[in-house]
Each structure stands twice: as structure tokens, then as C-alpha cells.
All heavy atoms as atom14 arrays in JSON, in Angstrom:
{
  "sequence": "FRVDLDGSISTVLTGVGVSNGLGWTADRRTMFFNDSGIETFSIFDFD",
  "atom14_mask": [
    [1, 1, 1, 1, 1, 1, 1, 1, 1, 1, 1, 0, 0, 0],
    [1, 1, 1, 1, 1, 1, 1, 1, 1, 1, 1, 0, 0, 0],
    [1, 1, 1, 1, 1, 1, 1, 0, 0, 0, 0, 0, 0, 0],
    [1, 1, 1, 1, 1, 1, 1, 1, 0, 0, 0, 0, 0, 0],
    [1, 1, 1, 1, 1, 1, 1, 1, 0, 0, 0, 0, 0, 0],
    [1, 1, 1, 1, 1, 1, 1, 1, 0, 0, 0, 0, 0, 0],
    [1, 1, 1, 1, 0, 0, 0, 0, 0, 0, 0, 0, 0, 0],
    [1, 1, 1, 1, 1, 1, 0, 0, 0, 0, 0, 0, 0, 0],
    [1, 1, 1, 1, 1, 1, 1, 1, 0, 0, 0, 0, 0, 0],
    [1, 1, 1, 1, 1, 1, 0, 0, 0, 0, 0, 0, 0, 0],
    [1, 1, 1, 1, 1, 1, 1, 0, 0, 0, 0, 0, 0, 0],
    [1, 1, 1, 1, 1, 1, 1, 0, 0, 0, 0, 0, 0, 0],
    [1, 1, 1, 1, 1, 1, 1, 1, 0, 0, 0, 0, 0, 0],
    [1, 1, 1, 1, 1, 1, 1, 0, 0, 0, 0, 0, 0, 0],
    [1, 1, 1, 1, 0, 0, 0, 0, 0, 0, 0, 0, 0, 0],
    [1, 1, 1, 1, 1, 1, 1, 0, 0, 0, 0, 0, 0, 0],
    [1, 1, 1, 1, 0, 0, 0, 0, 0, 0, 0, 0, 0, 0],
    [1, 1, 1, 1, 1, 1, 1, 0, 0, 0, 0, 0, 0, 0],
    [1, 1, 1, 1, 1, 1, 0, 0, 0, 0, 0, 0, 0, 0],
    [1, 1, 1, 1, 1, 1, 1, 1, 0, 0, 0, 0, 0, 0],
    [1, 1, 1, 1, 0, 0, 0, 0, 0, 0, 0, 0, 0, 0],
    [1, 1, 1, 1, 1, 1, 1, 1, 0, 0, 0, 0, 0, 0],
    [1, 1, 1, 1, 0, 0, 0, 0, 0, 0, 0, 0, 0, 0],
    [1, 1, 1, 1, 1, 1, 1, 1, 1, 1, 1, 1, 1, 1],
    [1, 1, 1, 1, 1, 1, 1, 0, 0, 0, 0, 0, 0, 0],
    [1, 1, 1, 1, 1, 0, 0, 0, 0, 0, 0, 0, 0, 0],
    [1, 1, 1, 1, 1, 1, 1, 1, 0, 0, 0, 0, 0, 0],
    [1, 1, 1, 1, 1, 1, 1, 1, 1, 1, 1, 0, 0, 0],
    [1, 1, 1, 1, 1, 1, 1, 1, 1, 1, 1, 0, 0, 0],
    [1, 1, 1, 1, 1, 1, 1, 0, 0, 0, 0, 0, 0, 0],
    [1, 1, 1, 1, 1, 1, 1, 1, 0, 0, 0, 0, 0, 0],
    [1, 1, 1, 1, 1, 1, 1, 1, 1, 1, 1, 0, 0, 0],
    [1, 1, 1, 1, 1, 1, 1, 1, 1, 1, 1, 0, 0, 0],
    [1, 1, 1, 1, 1, 1, 1, 1, 0, 0, 0, 0, 0, 0],
    [1, 1, 1, 1, 1, 1, 1, 1, 0, 0, 0, 0, 0, 0],
    [1, 1, 1, 1, 1, 1, 0, 0, 0, 0, 0, 0, 0, 0],
    [1, 1, 1, 1, 0, 0, 0, 0, 0, 0, 0, 0, 0, 0],
    [1, 1, 1, 1, 1, 1, 1, 1, 0, 0, 0, 0, 0, 0],
    [1, 1, 1, 1, 1, 1, 1, 1, 1, 0, 0, 0, 0, 0],
    [1, 1, 1, 1, 1, 1, 1, 0, 0, 0, 0, 0, 0, 0],
    [1, 1, 1, 1, 1, 1, 1, 1, 1, 1, 1, 0, 0, 0],
    [1, 1, 1, 1, 1, 1, 0, 0, 0, 0, 0, 0, 0, 0],
    [1, 1, 1, 1, 1, 1, 1, 1, 0, 0, 0, 0, 0, 0],
    [1, 1, 1, 1, 1, 1, 1, 1, 1, 1, 1, 0, 0, 0],
    [1, 1, 1, 1, 1, 1, 1, 1, 0, 0, 0, 0, 0, 0],
    [1, 1, 1, 1, 1, 1, 1, 1, 1, 1, 1, 0, 0, 0],
    [1, 1, 1, 1, 1, 1, 1, 1, 0, 0, 0, 0, 0, 0]
  ],
  "atom14_positions": [
    [[3.69, 9.8, -16.66], [4.63, 10.36, -17.62], [4.17, 11.76, -18.06], [2.99, 12.09, -18.01], [4.72, 9.49, -18.89], [5.12, 8.07, -18.62], [4.15, 7.07, -18.5], [6.46, 7.71, -18.49], [4.51, 5.75, -18.27], [6.82, 6.39, -18.27], [5.83, 5.41, -18.16], [0.0, 0.0, 0.0], [0.0, 0.0, 0.0], [0.0, 0.0, 0.0]],
    [[5.12, 12.56, -18.55], [4.84, 13.88, -19.13], [5.57, 13.99, -20.46], [6.75, 13.65, -20.55], [5.3, 14.98, -18.2], [4.94, 16.4, -18.68], [5.53, 17.48, -17.79], [6.98, 17.57, -17.93], [7.85, 17.53, -16.92], [7.43, 17.38, -15.66], [9.16, 17.61, -17.13], [0.0, 0.0, 0.0], [0.0, 0.0, 0.0], [0.0, 0.0, 0.0]],
    [[4.85, 14.43, -21.49], [5.45, 14.73, -22.78], [5.54, 16.25, -22.89], [4.49, 16.93, -22.92], [4.66, 14.15, -23.95], [5.36, 14.5, -25.28], [4.54, 12.65, -23.81], [0.0, 0.0, 0.0], [0.0, 0.0, 0.0], [0.0, 0.0, 0.0], [0.0, 0.0, 0.0], [0.0, 0.0, 0.0], [0.0, 0.0, 0.0], [0.0, 0.0, 0.0]],
    [[6.75, 16.79, -22.94], [6.92, 18.23, -23.04], [6.73, 18.71, -24.47], [6.59, 17.91, -25.41], [8.31, 18.6, -22.5], [8.38, 18.53, -20.98], [7.55, 19.2, -20.33], [9.22, 17.79, -20.45], [0.0, 0.0, 0.0], [0.0, 0.0, 0.0], [0.0, 0.0, 0.0], [0.0, 0.0, 0.0], [0.0, 0.0, 0.0], [0.0, 0.0, 0.0]],
    [[6.75, 20.03, -24.65], [6.44, 20.62, -25.95], [7.48, 20.28, -27.01], [7.19, 20.34, -28.21], [6.25, 22.11, -25.81], [5.14, 22.54, -24.84], [4.97, 24.06, -24.87], [3.8, 21.85, -25.18], [0.0, 0.0, 0.0], [0.0, 0.0, 0.0], [0.0, 0.0, 0.0], [0.0, 0.0, 0.0], [0.0, 0.0, 0.0], [0.0, 0.0, 0.0]],
    [[8.7, 19.94, -26.6], [9.72, 19.55, -27.56], [9.67, 18.06, -27.89], [10.52, 17.55, -28.62], [11.11, 19.94, -27.05], [11.5, 19.2, -25.76], [10.68, 18.42, -25.24], [12.62, 19.46, -25.26], [0.0, 0.0, 0.0], [0.0, 0.0, 0.0], [0.0, 0.0, 0.0], [0.0, 0.0, 0.0], [0.0, 0.0, 0.0], [0.0, 0.0, 0.0]],
    [[8.66, 17.36, -27.36], [8.52, 15.92, -27.61], [9.29, 15.02, -26.66], [9.18, 13.79, -26.75], [0.0, 0.0, 0.0], [0.0, 0.0, 0.0], [0.0, 0.0, 0.0], [0.0, 0.0, 0.0], [0.0, 0.0, 0.0], [0.0, 0.0, 0.0], [0.0, 0.0, 0.0], [0.0, 0.0, 0.0], [0.0, 0.0, 0.0], [0.0, 0.0, 0.0]],
    [[10.05, 15.6, -25.75], [10.79, 14.79, -24.8], [9.84, 14.26, -23.73], [8.8, 14.86, -23.41], [11.91, 15.61, -24.14], [11.37, 16.71, -23.41], [0.0, 0.0, 0.0], [0.0, 0.0, 0.0], [0.0, 0.0, 0.0], [0.0, 0.0, 0.0], [0.0, 0.0, 0.0], [0.0, 0.0, 0.0], [0.0, 0.0, 0.0], [0.0, 0.0, 0.0]],
    [[10.22, 13.11, -23.13], [9.36, 12.44, -22.18], [10.06, 12.35, -20.83], [11.24, 12.0, -20.75], [9.0, 11.02, -22.69], [8.22, 11.12, -23.98], [8.22, 10.24, -21.63], [7.95, 9.78, -24.63], [0.0, 0.0, 0.0], [0.0, 0.0, 0.0], [0.0, 0.0, 0.0], [0.0, 0.0, 0.0], [0.0, 0.0, 0.0], [0.0, 0.0, 0.0]],
    [[9.32, 12.67, -19.78], [9.81, 12.55, -18.41], [8.92, 11.59, -17.63], [7.7, 11.58, -17.8], [9.81, 13.92, -17.71], [10.64, 14.85, -18.37], [0.0, 0.0, 0.0], [0.0, 0.0, 0.0], [0.0, 0.0, 0.0], [0.0, 0.0, 0.0], [0.0, 0.0, 0.0], [0.0, 0.0, 0.0], [0.0, 0.0, 0.0], [0.0, 0.0, 0.0]],
    [[9.55, 10.8, -16.77], [8.8, 9.97, -15.82], [8.66, 10.78, -14.55], [9.62, 11.04, -13.85], [9.53, 8.66, -15.56], [9.71, 7.95, -16.78], [8.71, 7.79, -14.6], [0.0, 0.0, 0.0], [0.0, 0.0, 0.0], [0.0, 0.0, 0.0], [0.0, 0.0, 0.0], [0.0, 0.0, 0.0], [0.0, 0.0, 0.0], [0.0, 0.0, 0.0]],
    [[7.43, 11.2, -14.26], [7.18, 12.1, -13.13], [7.05, 11.31, -11.84], [7.56, 11.73, -10.79], [5.92, 12.92, -13.39], [5.59, 13.84, -12.21], [6.05, 13.73, -14.67], [0.0, 0.0, 0.0], [0.0, 0.0, 0.0], [0.0, 0.0, 0.0], [0.0, 0.0, 0.0], [0.0, 0.0, 0.0], [0.0, 0.0, 0.0], [0.0, 0.0, 0.0]],
    [[6.33, 10.18, -11.89], [6.15, 9.35, -10.71], [6.34, 7.88, -11.1], [5.96, 7.46, -12.19], [4.72, 9.5, -10.14], [4.3, 10.79, -9.49], [2.81, 10.72, -9.14], [5.13, 11.06, -8.23], [0.0, 0.0, 0.0], [0.0, 0.0, 0.0], [0.0, 0.0, 0.0], [0.0, 0.0, 0.0], [0.0, 0.0, 0.0], [0.0, 0.0, 0.0]],
    [[6.93, 7.12, -10.18], [6.95, 5.67, -10.31], [6.19, 5.1, -9.1], [5.77, 5.84, -8.21], [8.37, 5.14, -10.35], [9.07, 5.56, -9.16], [9.11, 5.64, -11.58], [0.0, 0.0, 0.0], [0.0, 0.0, 0.0], [0.0, 0.0, 0.0], [0.0, 0.0, 0.0], [0.0, 0.0, 0.0], [0.0, 0.0, 0.0], [0.0, 0.0, 0.0]],
    [[6.02, 3.81, -9.08], [5.3, 3.22, -7.97], [3.82, 3.54, -7.98], [3.17, 3.57, -6.93], [0.0, 0.0, 0.0], [0.0, 0.0, 0.0], [0.0, 0.0, 0.0], [0.0, 0.0, 0.0], [0.0, 0.0, 0.0], [0.0, 0.0, 0.0], [0.0, 0.0, 0.0], [0.0, 0.0, 0.0], [0.0, 0.0, 0.0], [0.0, 0.0, 0.0]],
    [[3.27, 3.78, -9.18], [1.85, 4.12, -9.31], [1.04, 2.83, -9.44], [1.46, 1.9, -10.15], [1.64, 5.04, -10.55], [0.15, 5.26, -10.8], [2.35, 6.35, -10.35], [0.0, 0.0, 0.0], [0.0, 0.0, 0.0], [0.0, 0.0, 0.0], [0.0, 0.0, 0.0], [0.0, 0.0, 0.0], [0.0, 0.0, 0.0], [0.0, 0.0, 0.0]],
    [[-0.12, 2.78, -8.8], [-0.98, 1.61, -8.9], [-1.75, 1.6, -10.2], [-1.44, 0.85, -11.13], [0.0, 0.0, 0.0], [0.0, 0.0, 0.0], [0.0, 0.0, 0.0], [0.0, 0.0, 0.0], [0.0, 0.0, 0.0], [0.0, 0.0, 0.0], [0.0, 0.0, 0.0], [0.0, 0.0, 0.0], [0.0, 0.0, 0.0], [0.0, 0.0, 0.0]],
    [[-2.77, 2.45, -10.3], [-3.54, 2.65, -11.52], [-3.64, 4.16, -11.77], [-4.39, 4.85, -11.1], [-4.96, 2.04, -11.42], [-5.76, 2.33, -12.7], [-4.88, 0.55, -11.18], [0.0, 0.0, 0.0], [0.0, 0.0, 0.0], [0.0, 0.0, 0.0], [0.0, 0.0, 0.0], [0.0, 0.0, 0.0], [0.0, 0.0, 0.0], [0.0, 0.0, 0.0]],
    [[-2.84, 4.66, -12.71], [-2.79, 6.1, -12.97], [-4.13, 6.55, -13.53], [-4.64, 5.99, -14.5], [-1.67, 6.4, -13.94], [-1.54, 7.8, -14.14], [0.0, 0.0, 0.0], [0.0, 0.0, 0.0], [0.0, 0.0, 0.0], [0.0, 0.0, 0.0], [0.0, 0.0, 0.0], [0.0, 0.0, 0.0], [0.0, 0.0, 0.0], [0.0, 0.0, 0.0]],
    [[-4.72, 7.62, -12.93], [-6.04, 8.03, -13.35], [-6.17, 9.55, -13.4], [-5.31, 10.22, -13.96], [-7.1, 7.37, -12.48], [-7.92, 6.36, -13.27], [-8.38, 6.65, -14.37], [-8.08, 5.18, -12.73], [0.0, 0.0, 0.0], [0.0, 0.0, 0.0], [0.0, 0.0, 0.0], [0.0, 0.0, 0.0], [0.0, 0.0, 0.0], [0.0, 0.0, 0.0]],
    [[-7.24, 10.12, -12.84], [-7.62, 11.5, -13.08], [-6.55, 12.54, -12.84], [-5.75, 12.43, -11.9], [0.0, 0.0, 0.0], [0.0, 0.0, 0.0], [0.0, 0.0, 0.0], [0.0, 0.0, 0.0], [0.0, 0.0, 0.0], [0.0, 0.0, 0.0], [0.0, 0.0, 0.0], [0.0, 0.0, 0.0], [0.0, 0.0, 0.0], [0.0, 0.0, 0.0]],
    [[-6.55, 13.56, -13.7], [-5.59, 14.67, -13.63], [-6.36, 15.98, -13.83], [-7.35, 16.03, -14.54], [-4.54, 14.55, -14.72], [-3.52, 13.43, -14.58], [-3.0, 13.0, -15.95], [-2.36, 13.9, -13.71], [0.0, 0.0, 0.0], [0.0, 0.0, 0.0], [0.0, 0.0, 0.0], [0.0, 0.0, 0.0], [0.0, 0.0, 0.0], [0.0, 0.0, 0.0]],
    [[-5.86, 17.04, -13.19], [-6.48, 18.36, -13.41], [-5.64, 19.45, -12.8], [-4.78, 19.2, -11.93], [0.0, 0.0, 0.0], [0.0, 0.0, 0.0], [0.0, 0.0, 0.0], [0.0, 0.0, 0.0], [0.0, 0.0, 0.0], [0.0, 0.0, 0.0], [0.0, 0.0, 0.0], [0.0, 0.0, 0.0], [0.0, 0.0, 0.0], [0.0, 0.0, 0.0]],
    [[-5.88, 20.7, -13.25], [-5.12, 21.86, -12.82], [-6.06, 23.02, -12.46], [-7.11, 23.18, -13.09], [-4.15, 22.31, -13.92], [-3.05, 21.35, -14.17], [-1.79, 21.4, -13.67], [-3.1, 20.15, -14.98], [-1.05, 20.31, -14.09], [-1.83, 19.54, -14.91], [-4.1, 19.56, -15.75], [-1.53, 18.34, -15.59], [-3.82, 18.36, -16.41], [-2.53, 17.77, -16.32]],
    [[-5.64, 23.85, -11.52], [-6.41, 25.02, -11.17], [-6.17, 26.14, -12.18], [-5.2, 26.1, -12.97], [-6.04, 25.52, -9.76], [-4.6, 25.7, -9.69], [-6.48, 24.56, -8.7], [0.0, 0.0, 0.0], [0.0, 0.0, 0.0], [0.0, 0.0, 0.0], [0.0, 0.0, 0.0], [0.0, 0.0, 0.0], [0.0, 0.0, 0.0], [0.0, 0.0, 0.0]],
    [[-7.05, 27.14, -12.17], [-7.0, 28.2, -13.16], [-5.71, 29.03, -13.09], [-5.23, 29.54, -14.1], [-8.21, 29.13, -13.01], [0.0, 0.0, 0.0], [0.0, 0.0, 0.0], [0.0, 0.0, 0.0], [0.0, 0.0, 0.0], [0.0, 0.0, 0.0], [0.0, 0.0, 0.0], [0.0, 0.0, 0.0], [0.0, 0.0, 0.0], [0.0, 0.0, 0.0]],
    [[-5.12, 29.14, -11.89], [-3.89, 29.92, -11.77], [-2.67, 29.1, -12.14], [-1.55, 29.59, -12.1], [-3.73, 30.48, -10.35], [-3.55, 29.39, -9.29], [-3.5, 28.18, -9.63], [-3.48, 29.75, -8.09], [0.0, 0.0, 0.0], [0.0, 0.0, 0.0], [0.0, 0.0, 0.0], [0.0, 0.0, 0.0], [0.0, 0.0, 0.0], [0.0, 0.0, 0.0]],
    [[-2.86, 27.83, -12.54], [-1.83, 26.92, -13.01], [-0.81, 26.56, -11.95], [0.28, 26.09, -12.27], [-1.09, 27.51, -14.23], [-2.02, 27.95, -15.36], [-1.26, 28.47, -16.55], [-2.16, 28.83, -17.64], [-1.78, 29.06, -18.88], [-0.5, 28.96, -19.2], [-2.64, 29.37, -19.81], [0.0, 0.0, 0.0], [0.0, 0.0, 0.0], [0.0, 0.0, 0.0]],
    [[-1.15, 26.74, -10.67], [-0.19, 26.53, -9.6], [-0.47, 25.24, -8.82], [0.33, 24.9, -7.92], [-0.21, 27.73, -8.64], [0.3, 29.01, -9.25], [1.75, 28.95, -9.56], [2.25, 30.17, -10.2], [3.51, 30.34, -10.59], [4.39, 29.36, -10.41], [3.9, 31.46, -11.16], [0.0, 0.0, 0.0], [0.0, 0.0, 0.0], [0.0, 0.0, 0.0]],
    [[-1.55, 24.56, -9.14], [-1.93, 23.37, -8.38], [-2.36, 22.27, -9.36], [-3.08, 22.53, -10.32], [-3.07, 23.68, -7.4], [-2.69, 24.72, -6.52], [-3.46, 22.44, -6.58], [0.0, 0.0, 0.0], [0.0, 0.0, 0.0], [0.0, 0.0, 0.0], [0.0, 0.0, 0.0], [0.0, 0.0, 0.0], [0.0, 0.0, 0.0], [0.0, 0.0, 0.0]],
    [[-1.89, 21.04, -9.1], [-2.28, 19.88, -9.9], [-2.89, 18.83, -8.99], [-2.45, 18.64, -7.85], [-1.05, 19.3, -10.6], [-1.37, 18.14, -11.55], [0.09, 17.46, -12.39], [0.53, 16.15, -11.24], [0.0, 0.0, 0.0], [0.0, 0.0, 0.0], [0.0, 0.0, 0.0], [0.0, 0.0, 0.0], [0.0, 0.0, 0.0], [0.0, 0.0, 0.0]],
    [[-3.92, 18.16, -9.5], [-4.57, 17.05, -8.79], [-4.3, 15.76, -9.56], [-4.2, 15.75, -10.79], [-6.08, 17.27, -8.7], [-6.44, 18.53, -7.95], [-6.72, 19.71, -8.67], [-6.54, 18.55, -6.58], [-7.05, 20.88, -8.0], [-6.89, 19.73, -5.9], [-7.14, 20.87, -6.62], [0.0, 0.0, 0.0], [0.0, 0.0, 0.0], [0.0, 0.0, 0.0]],
    [[-4.24, 14.65, -8.82], [-3.96, 13.34, -9.43], [-4.6, 12.23, -8.6], [-4.48, 12.19, -7.39], [-2.45, 13.12, -9.5], [-2.03, 11.75, -9.95], [-2.38, 11.26, -11.19], [-1.27, 10.92, -9.1], [-1.98, 9.98, -11.61], [-0.88, 9.67, -9.5], [-1.23, 9.2, -10.77], [0.0, 0.0, 0.0], [0.0, 0.0, 0.0], [0.0, 0.0, 0.0]],
    [[-5.31, 11.32, -9.31], [-5.9, 10.16, -8.66], [-5.13, 8.9, -9.03], [-4.86, 8.66, -10.22], [-7.36, 9.97, -9.11], [-8.32, 10.87, -8.36], [-7.95, 11.47, -7.34], [-9.53, 11.0, -8.86], [0.0, 0.0, 0.0], [0.0, 0.0, 0.0], [0.0, 0.0, 0.0], [0.0, 0.0, 0.0], [0.0, 0.0, 0.0], [0.0, 0.0, 0.0]],
    [[-4.78, 8.11, -8.03], [-4.19, 6.8, -8.24], [-5.2, 5.78, -7.7], [-5.34, 5.62, -6.48], [-2.86, 6.67, -7.51], [-2.17, 5.34, -7.73], [-2.85, 4.36, -8.13], [-0.95, 5.27, -7.51], [0.0, 0.0, 0.0], [0.0, 0.0, 0.0], [0.0, 0.0, 0.0], [0.0, 0.0, 0.0], [0.0, 0.0, 0.0], [0.0, 0.0, 0.0]],
    [[-5.91, 5.12, -8.6], [-6.95, 4.2, -8.17], [-6.39, 2.95, -7.54], [-7.03, 2.31, -6.71], [-7.83, 3.8, -9.38], [-8.38, 4.93, -10.0], [0.0, 0.0, 0.0], [0.0, 0.0, 0.0], [0.0, 0.0, 0.0], [0.0, 0.0, 0.0], [0.0, 0.0, 0.0], [0.0, 0.0, 0.0], [0.0, 0.0, 0.0], [0.0, 0.0, 0.0]],
    [[-5.18, 2.56, -7.95], [-4.59, 1.32, -7.42], [-4.3, 1.39, -5.94], [-4.54, 0.43, -5.2], [0.0, 0.0, 0.0], [0.0, 0.0, 0.0], [0.0, 0.0, 0.0], [0.0, 0.0, 0.0], [0.0, 0.0, 0.0], [0.0, 0.0, 0.0], [0.0, 0.0, 0.0], [0.0, 0.0, 0.0], [0.0, 0.0, 0.0], [0.0, 0.0, 0.0]],
    [[-3.8, 2.54, -5.46], [-3.53, 2.7, -4.05], [-4.56, 3.63, -3.39], [-4.38, 4.05, -2.25], [-2.09, 3.16, -3.78], [-1.79, 4.48, -4.49], [-1.1, 2.1, -4.23], [-0.42, 5.06, -4.15], [0.0, 0.0, 0.0], [0.0, 0.0, 0.0], [0.0, 0.0, 0.0], [0.0, 0.0, 0.0], [0.0, 0.0, 0.0], [0.0, 0.0, 0.0]],
    [[-5.62, 3.94, -4.16], [-6.8, 4.63, -3.65], [-6.47, 5.98, -3.02], [-6.92, 6.31, -1.92], [-7.55, 3.74, -2.66], [-7.99, 2.41, -3.29], [-8.73, 1.5, -2.34], [-8.97, 1.91, -1.18], [-9.07, 0.39, -2.75], [0.0, 0.0, 0.0], [0.0, 0.0, 0.0], [0.0, 0.0, 0.0], [0.0, 0.0, 0.0], [0.0, 0.0, 0.0]],
    [[-5.7, 6.81, -3.75], [-5.34, 8.11, -3.23], [-5.76, 9.23, -4.19], [-5.67, 9.1, -5.41], [-3.82, 8.24, -3.0], [-3.13, 7.91, -4.22], [-3.36, 7.35, -1.87], [0.0, 0.0, 0.0], [0.0, 0.0, 0.0], [0.0, 0.0, 0.0], [0.0, 0.0, 0.0], [0.0, 0.0, 0.0], [0.0, 0.0, 0.0], [0.0, 0.0, 0.0]],
    [[-6.25, 10.31, -3.63], [-6.58, 11.55, -4.31], [-5.59, 12.58, -3.78], [-5.61, 12.92, -2.6], [-8.02, 11.92, -4.01], [-8.45, 13.32, -4.38], [-8.01, 13.91, -5.56], [-9.3, 14.04, -3.55], [-8.41, 15.2, -5.89], [-9.72, 15.32, -3.89], [-9.27, 15.9, -5.06], [0.0, 0.0, 0.0], [0.0, 0.0, 0.0], [0.0, 0.0, 0.0]],
    [[-4.67, 13.03, -4.65], [-3.52, 13.85, -4.2], [-3.5, 15.23, -4.85], [-4.09, 15.44, -5.91], [-2.2, 13.13, -4.53], [-2.13, 11.88, -3.91], [0.0, 0.0, 0.0], [0.0, 0.0, 0.0], [0.0, 0.0, 0.0], [0.0, 0.0, 0.0], [0.0, 0.0, 0.0], [0.0, 0.0, 0.0], [0.0, 0.0, 0.0], [0.0, 0.0, 0.0]],
    [[-2.8, 16.13, -4.22], [-2.6, 17.49, -4.7], [-1.11, 17.77, -4.74], [-0.34, 17.31, -3.88], [-3.36, 18.49, -3.78], [-3.29, 19.9, -4.32], [-2.82, 18.43, -2.37], [-4.2, 20.87, -3.54], [0.0, 0.0, 0.0], [0.0, 0.0, 0.0], [0.0, 0.0, 0.0], [0.0, 0.0, 0.0], [0.0, 0.0, 0.0], [0.0, 0.0, 0.0]],
    [[-0.65, 18.51, -5.8], [0.74, 18.86, -5.96], [0.86, 20.38, -6.14], [-0.05, 21.02, -6.68], [1.34, 18.23, -7.23], [1.46, 16.75, -7.22], [0.33, 15.94, -7.41], [2.69, 16.14, -7.05], [0.44, 14.56, -7.46], [2.8, 14.76, -7.09], [1.68, 13.97, -7.28], [0.0, 0.0, 0.0], [0.0, 0.0, 0.0], [0.0, 0.0, 0.0]],
    [[1.98, 20.93, -5.76], [2.37, 22.27, -6.23], [2.84, 22.11, -7.67], [3.57, 21.15, -7.99], [3.49, 22.84, -5.38], [3.06, 23.07, -3.93], [1.85, 23.29, -3.7], [3.94, 23.02, -3.05], [0.0, 0.0, 0.0], [0.0, 0.0, 0.0], [0.0, 0.0, 0.0], [0.0, 0.0, 0.0], [0.0, 0.0, 0.0], [0.0, 0.0, 0.0]],
    [[2.44, 23.05, -8.55], [2.74, 22.93, -9.96], [3.41, 24.18, -10.48], [2.99, 25.29, -10.17], [1.45, 22.68, -10.73], [1.65, 22.39, -12.2], [2.17, 21.18, -12.62], [1.37, 23.35, -13.17], [2.36, 20.91, -13.96], [1.57, 23.11, -14.51], [2.07, 21.89, -14.91], [0.0, 0.0, 0.0], [0.0, 0.0, 0.0], [0.0, 0.0, 0.0]],
    [[4.5, 23.99, -11.24], [5.2, 25.11, -11.87], [4.77, 25.18, -13.33], [5.13, 24.3, -14.12], [6.72, 24.89, -11.77], [7.52, 26.08, -12.29], [7.03, 26.76, -13.22], [8.62, 26.3, -11.77], [0.0, 0.0, 0.0], [0.0, 0.0, 0.0], [0.0, 0.0, 0.0], [0.0, 0.0, 0.0], [0.0, 0.0, 0.0], [0.0, 0.0, 0.0]]
  ]
}
């Protein structure tokens, strides 16, 4: 899930096993996400 600055909530991903680590690069263009349930370390393009 994501909570935006106006307090609204978005469901970004479904089908997640165990939602875990998150992080962003300094240029704010890349996001990382770990799903422990399905054992994946993923990278996203980020706006």
C-alpha cells in the first residue's frame, strides 16, 4: 500500500507473499522491494 500526502491510500501491488524491505535511489527514479513470501528482490522504475 501507499499513503499519499493528502491521506489517500492506494493499493500498489496485490498477490504479495510477505511484504518486506523498501528503498529508493538518490535520484528518486528507482525503487527496490523485497517479497519474502515468494522470495523475490525486485526493482521498479519510480516517478
